[in-house]
Protein backbone atom coordinates (compact mmCIF):
# COMPACT_ATOMS: atom_id res chain seq x y z
CA MET A 1 0.00 0.00 0.00
CA GLN A 2 1.35 3.35 -0.98
CA LEU A 3 1.33 6.37 1.28
CA LYS A 4 -0.99 8.43 -0.96
CA GLU A 5 -3.57 5.61 -0.94
CA LEU A 6 -3.48 5.61 2.83
CA ILE A 7 -3.70 9.39 3.08
CA LEU A 8 -6.77 9.44 0.81
CA GLY A 9 -8.34 6.18 1.97
CA VAL A 10 -8.46 6.79 5.71
CA PRO A 11 -10.40 10.09 5.53
CA VAL A 12 -12.82 8.61 2.97
CA LEU A 13 -13.41 5.58 5.20
CA MET A 14 -13.91 7.82 8.24
CA PHE A 15 -16.41 9.95 6.29
CA ILE A 16 -18.38 6.86 5.24
CA LEU A 17 -18.46 5.60 8.82
CA TRP A 18 -19.54 9.04 10.04
CA VAL A 19 -22.40 9.11 7.52
CA PHE A 20 -23.68 5.64 8.40
CA SER A 21 -23.35 6.22 12.14
CA ALA A 22 -26.25 8.69 11.99
CA PRO A 23 -29.27 7.15 13.74
CA VAL A 24 -31.97 8.38 11.33
CA PRO A 25 -32.16 8.71 7.52
CA GLN A 26 -32.60 12.50 7.62
CA GLN A 27 -29.28 12.90 9.42
CA ARG A 28 -27.57 10.53 6.96
CA ILE A 29 -28.80 12.66 4.06
CA VAL A 30 -27.53 15.83 5.72
CA ARG A 31 -24.17 14.23 6.53
CA VAL A 32 -23.62 12.98 2.98
CA CYS A 33 -24.02 16.54 1.73
CA GLU A 34 -21.97 18.23 4.48
CA PRO A 35 -18.86 18.58 2.27
CA ILE A 36 -20.92 20.66 -0.17
CA HIS A 37 -22.05 22.82 2.75
CA TRP A 38 -18.45 23.20 3.96
CA VAL A 39 -17.23 24.25 0.52
CA GLY A 40 -20.18 26.64 0.25
CA ASN A 41 -19.23 28.23 3.56
CA VAL A 42 -15.64 28.69 2.39
CA ALA A 43 -16.84 30.16 -0.92
CA THR A 44 -19.23 32.52 0.89
CA SER A 45 -16.52 33.65 3.30
CA THR A 46 -14.05 34.18 0.47
CA THR A 47 -16.60 36.13 -1.53
CA ALA A 48 -17.48 38.27 1.48
CA LEU A 49 -13.80 38.98 1.99
CA ALA A 50 -13.23 39.89 -1.67
CA THR A 51 -16.43 41.74 -2.51
CA GLU A 52 -19.60 42.33 -0.49
CA GLN A 53 -21.94 42.74 -3.45
CA HIS A 54 -21.78 39.09 -4.57
CA THR A 55 -22.10 37.45 -1.16
CA GLU A 56 -25.87 36.95 -1.40
CA THR A 57 -25.45 35.25 -4.79
CA THR A 58 -22.83 32.91 -3.34
CA VAL A 59 -25.05 32.03 -0.39
CA ARG A 60 -27.98 31.35 -2.73
CA TRP A 61 -25.88 29.06 -4.97
CA SER A 62 -24.44 27.26 -1.95
CA ASP A 63 -27.92 26.62 -0.57
CA LYS A 64 -29.13 25.41 -3.98
CA MET A 65 -26.24 22.96 -4.28
CA ASN A 66 -26.81 21.67 -0.75
CA TYR A 67 -30.53 21.19 -1.35
CA SER A 68 -29.86 19.54 -4.73
CA CYS A 69 -27.49 17.08 -3.10
CA GLN A 70 -29.99 16.23 -0.37
CA TYR A 71 -32.79 15.81 -2.89
CA MET A 72 -30.71 13.51 -5.11
CA VAL A 73 -29.68 11.34 -2.15
CA TRP A 74 -33.30 11.15 -0.98
CA ARG A 75 -34.47 10.16 -4.46
CA LEU A 76 -31.75 7.52 -4.82
CA PHE A 77 -32.25 5.81 -1.46
CA TYR A 78 -35.59 6.73 0.08
CA GLN A 79 -38.16 7.67 -2.56
CA GLU A 80 -39.24 4.11 -3.28
CA ASP A 81 -40.00 3.49 0.40
CA TYR A 82 -41.82 6.83 0.60
CA ASN A 83 -43.95 5.95 -2.45
CA LYS A 84 -44.84 2.59 -0.86
CA ALA A 85 -45.80 4.33 2.40
CA VAL A 86 -48.02 6.79 0.50
CA ALA A 87 -49.67 3.95 -1.42
CA ALA A 88 -50.29 2.08 1.84
CA GLY A 89 -51.83 5.21 3.40
CA LEU A 90 -49.15 5.55 6.06
CA VAL A 91 -48.08 9.00 4.86
CA LYS A 92 -50.19 11.70 3.26
CA PRO A 93 -48.48 13.37 0.26
CA GLU A 94 -49.03 16.87 1.68
CA GLN A 95 -46.86 15.94 4.69
CA GLN A 96 -43.84 15.96 2.37
CA ALA A 97 -43.58 19.77 2.57
CA SER A 98 -42.95 19.56 6.32
CA ALA A 99 -40.38 16.76 6.08
CA PRO A 100 -37.03 17.43 7.81
CA VAL A 101 -35.11 16.97 4.55
CA ALA A 102 -37.07 19.82 2.94
CA ASP A 103 -36.14 22.07 5.86
CA ALA A 104 -32.46 21.05 5.98
CA PRO A 105 -31.12 23.68 3.55
CA LYS A 106 -32.84 26.40 5.56
CA GLN A 107 -31.19 25.07 8.72
CA ALA A 108 -27.82 24.76 7.02
CA SER A 109 -27.83 28.35 5.82
CA GLY A 110 -29.01 29.73 9.15
CA ALA A 111 -26.75 31.19 11.80
CA LYS A 112 -24.77 28.64 13.75
């Protein structure tokens, strides 16, 4: 095993373990997309440092990317189960708007 494989492999393995250690699916979705949120925060901070007038645009794009990531992960892993639950009458379709995943980008962009 080469050193560069170890340097790249260990953080990737730790990230995967961190994602799957989340107790509920909503937290797993948020954790998978955390790197996008981190990069968005760095981009927003850098933009704010360089020029104030484009900060809002950077925040908006960061939030869009974070939400897009969460939506894609939800569709890949959880939509089929959700559709079965709706068909069985366990979940009403209008409850989707109040789902934690839909609120996650708002929480991520809020003050921490």
